[in-house]
């Protein structure tokens, strides 16, 4: 899936974010979410899965944009 196929819910180019290298939440066409953040090593995930860490304000921004 290409980045262009995702709807970016967070980060508008102000604050800490630069281009595409900051924590972000994206929504897919099917309604699921893709999270961009720092890799976390909190525990070992099953094969094919991973953990990312994002700031609380990034998640709050995504919820606000979705109107939840």
N, C-alpha and C. Protein backbone atom coordinates (compact mmCIF):
# COMPACT_ATOMS: atom_id res chain seq x y z
N UNK A 1 0.86 -1.17 0.00
CA UNK A 1 0.00 0.00 0.00
C UNK A 1 0.91 1.24 0.00
N UNK A 2 0.65 2.15 -0.88
CA UNK A 2 1.45 3.37 -0.99
C UNK A 2 0.91 4.44 -0.03
N UNK A 3 1.79 5.30 0.43
CA UNK A 3 1.40 6.39 1.33
C UNK A 3 0.29 7.23 0.72
N UNK A 4 0.32 7.41 -0.59
CA UNK A 4 -0.69 8.23 -1.27
C UNK A 4 -2.09 7.66 -1.17
N UNK A 5 -2.20 6.37 -0.85
CA UNK A 5 -3.50 5.71 -0.71
C UNK A 5 -4.09 5.89 0.69
N UNK A 6 -3.34 6.50 1.60
CA UNK A 6 -3.77 6.68 2.98
C UNK A 6 -4.26 8.10 3.22
N UNK A 7 -5.20 8.25 4.15
CA UNK A 7 -5.66 9.57 4.57
C UNK A 7 -4.92 9.91 5.85
N UNK A 8 -4.13 10.97 5.80
CA UNK A 8 -3.35 11.38 6.97
C UNK A 8 -4.27 12.14 7.92
N UNK A 9 -4.37 11.68 9.17
CA UNK A 9 -5.26 12.29 10.15
C UNK A 9 -4.54 13.27 11.07
N UNK A 10 -3.23 13.18 11.15
CA UNK A 10 -2.47 14.01 12.10
C UNK A 10 -1.32 14.71 11.41
N UNK A 11 -0.80 15.72 12.07
CA UNK A 11 0.37 16.44 11.57
C UNK A 11 0.03 17.33 10.40
N UNK A 12 0.22 18.62 10.57
CA UNK A 12 -0.11 19.55 9.49
C UNK A 12 1.10 20.39 9.08
N UNK A 13 2.30 19.93 9.45
CA UNK A 13 3.50 20.65 9.08
C UNK A 13 3.92 21.72 10.08
N UNK A 14 3.20 21.85 11.19
CA UNK A 14 3.60 22.79 12.23
C UNK A 14 4.12 22.03 13.43
N UNK A 15 4.72 22.72 14.35
CA UNK A 15 5.22 22.06 15.56
C UNK A 15 6.42 21.19 15.28
N UNK A 16 6.42 20.00 15.85
CA UNK A 16 7.58 19.11 15.75
C UNK A 16 7.67 18.39 14.41
N UNK A 17 6.58 18.26 13.71
CA UNK A 17 6.56 17.45 12.48
C UNK A 17 7.29 18.15 11.33
N UNK A 18 7.99 17.36 10.58
CA UNK A 18 8.63 17.81 9.35
C UNK A 18 8.28 16.78 8.29
N UNK A 19 7.90 17.21 7.14
CA UNK A 19 7.60 16.32 6.01
C UNK A 19 6.92 15.03 6.48
N UNK A 20 7.56 13.88 6.30
CA UNK A 20 6.93 12.59 6.61
C UNK A 20 7.62 11.82 7.73
N UNK A 21 8.43 12.50 8.57
CA UNK A 21 9.27 11.78 9.51
C UNK A 21 8.82 11.90 10.96
N UNK A 22 7.55 12.19 11.21
CA UNK A 22 7.10 12.35 12.58
C UNK A 22 5.99 11.34 12.89
N UNK A 23 5.63 11.18 14.17
CA UNK A 23 4.52 10.29 14.50
C UNK A 23 3.25 10.76 13.81
N UNK A 24 2.53 9.85 13.21
CA UNK A 24 1.28 10.15 12.51
C UNK A 24 0.33 8.99 12.57
N UNK A 25 -0.95 9.29 12.39
CA UNK A 25 -1.99 8.27 12.26
C UNK A 25 -2.62 8.46 10.89
N UNK A 26 -2.75 7.36 10.16
CA UNK A 26 -3.35 7.36 8.83
C UNK A 26 -4.54 6.42 8.84
N UNK A 27 -5.51 6.69 7.96
CA UNK A 27 -6.66 5.80 7.79
C UNK A 27 -6.59 5.20 6.40
N UNK A 28 -6.87 3.89 6.31
CA UNK A 28 -6.85 3.20 5.02
C UNK A 28 -8.22 3.29 4.36
N UNK A 29 -8.29 2.93 3.11
CA UNK A 29 -9.56 2.91 2.37
C UNK A 29 -10.55 1.97 3.04
N UNK A 30 -10.06 0.88 3.62
CA UNK A 30 -10.95 -0.09 4.26
C UNK A 30 -11.38 0.32 5.67
N UNK A 31 -10.82 1.46 6.18
CA UNK A 31 -11.23 1.95 7.49
C UNK A 31 -10.31 1.56 8.63
N UNK A 32 -9.26 0.79 8.35
CA UNK A 32 -8.29 0.46 9.40
C UNK A 32 -7.28 1.60 9.52
N UNK A 33 -6.36 1.48 10.45
CA UNK A 33 -5.40 2.55 10.72
C UNK A 33 -3.98 2.08 10.55
N UNK A 34 -3.13 2.98 10.09
CA UNK A 34 -1.69 2.74 10.01
C UNK A 34 -1.05 3.79 10.91
N UNK A 35 -0.20 3.34 11.82
CA UNK A 35 0.44 4.23 12.78
C UNK A 35 1.92 4.35 12.44
N UNK A 36 2.40 5.58 12.38
CA UNK A 36 3.82 5.85 12.16
C UNK A 36 4.38 6.41 13.45
N UNK A 37 5.42 5.79 13.96
CA UNK A 37 6.03 6.27 15.19
C UNK A 37 7.37 5.63 15.43
N UNK A 38 7.91 5.87 16.59
CA UNK A 38 9.19 5.27 16.95
C UNK A 38 9.00 3.80 17.26
N UNK A 39 9.92 2.97 16.82
CA UNK A 39 9.86 1.54 17.09
C UNK A 39 10.00 1.31 18.59
N UNK A 40 9.12 0.49 19.13
CA UNK A 40 9.16 0.16 20.56
C UNK A 40 9.63 -1.28 20.72
N UNK A 41 10.39 -1.51 21.75
CA UNK A 41 10.86 -2.86 22.07
C UNK A 41 10.28 -3.31 23.42
N UNK A 42 9.06 -2.84 23.73
CA UNK A 42 8.43 -3.14 25.02
C UNK A 42 8.26 -4.65 25.24
N UNK A 43 7.93 -5.37 24.20
CA UNK A 43 7.85 -6.84 24.26
C UNK A 43 7.98 -7.38 22.85
N UNK A 44 8.21 -8.67 22.74
CA UNK A 44 8.37 -9.30 21.44
C UNK A 44 7.00 -9.66 20.88
N UNK A 45 6.74 -9.21 19.66
CA UNK A 45 5.45 -9.46 19.01
C UNK A 45 5.53 -10.73 18.17
N UNK A 46 4.39 -11.30 17.80
CA UNK A 46 4.37 -12.44 16.90
C UNK A 46 4.95 -12.04 15.53
N UNK A 47 5.39 -13.00 14.79
CA UNK A 47 5.93 -12.76 13.45
C UNK A 47 4.94 -11.98 12.61
N UNK A 48 5.43 -10.95 11.94
CA UNK A 48 4.59 -10.14 11.07
C UNK A 48 3.95 -8.95 11.76
N UNK A 49 4.13 -8.82 13.08
CA UNK A 49 3.57 -7.69 13.81
C UNK A 49 4.70 -6.83 14.36
N UNK A 50 4.37 -5.61 14.72
CA UNK A 50 5.36 -4.71 15.30
C UNK A 50 4.70 -3.74 16.26
N UNK A 51 5.52 -3.06 17.04
CA UNK A 51 5.04 -2.07 17.99
C UNK A 51 5.60 -0.71 17.62
N UNK A 52 4.78 0.32 17.71
CA UNK A 52 5.27 1.69 17.55
C UNK A 52 4.78 2.50 18.73
N UNK A 53 5.52 3.54 19.05
CA UNK A 53 5.16 4.43 20.13
C UNK A 53 4.83 5.79 19.53
N UNK A 54 3.69 6.35 19.91
CA UNK A 54 3.33 7.69 19.44
C UNK A 54 2.93 8.53 20.65
N UNK A 55 3.14 9.83 20.59
CA UNK A 55 2.75 10.70 21.70
C UNK A 55 1.23 10.74 21.87
N UNK A 56 0.78 10.93 23.09
CA UNK A 56 -0.65 11.01 23.38
C UNK A 56 -1.34 12.08 22.55
N UNK A 57 -0.69 13.22 22.36
CA UNK A 57 -1.31 14.31 21.60
C UNK A 57 -1.57 13.92 20.15
N UNK A 58 -0.75 13.02 19.59
CA UNK A 58 -0.97 12.56 18.21
C UNK A 58 -2.24 11.73 18.14
N UNK A 59 -2.44 10.84 19.09
CA UNK A 59 -3.65 10.03 19.12
C UNK A 59 -4.88 10.90 19.37
N UNK A 60 -4.78 11.87 20.27
CA UNK A 60 -5.90 12.79 20.53
C UNK A 60 -6.27 13.57 19.27
N UNK A 61 -5.25 13.99 18.52
CA UNK A 61 -5.52 14.73 17.28
C UNK A 61 -6.28 13.86 16.28
N UNK A 62 -5.89 12.59 16.16
CA UNK A 62 -6.58 11.68 15.24
C UNK A 62 -8.04 11.49 15.65
N UNK A 63 -8.28 11.31 16.94
CA UNK A 63 -9.66 11.15 17.44
C UNK A 63 -10.48 12.40 17.17
N UNK A 64 -9.88 13.58 17.36
CA UNK A 64 -10.58 14.84 17.10
C UNK A 64 -10.95 14.96 15.62
N UNK A 65 -10.01 14.63 14.74
CA UNK A 65 -10.28 14.72 13.29
C UNK A 65 -11.40 13.79 12.90
N UNK A 66 -11.47 12.61 13.51
CA UNK A 66 -12.52 11.64 13.18
C UNK A 66 -13.86 12.01 13.82
N UNK A 67 -13.86 12.97 14.75
CA UNK A 67 -15.10 13.40 15.40
C UNK A 67 -15.62 12.41 16.42
N UNK A 68 -14.74 11.64 17.02
CA UNK A 68 -15.17 10.64 18.01
C UNK A 68 -15.35 11.26 19.35
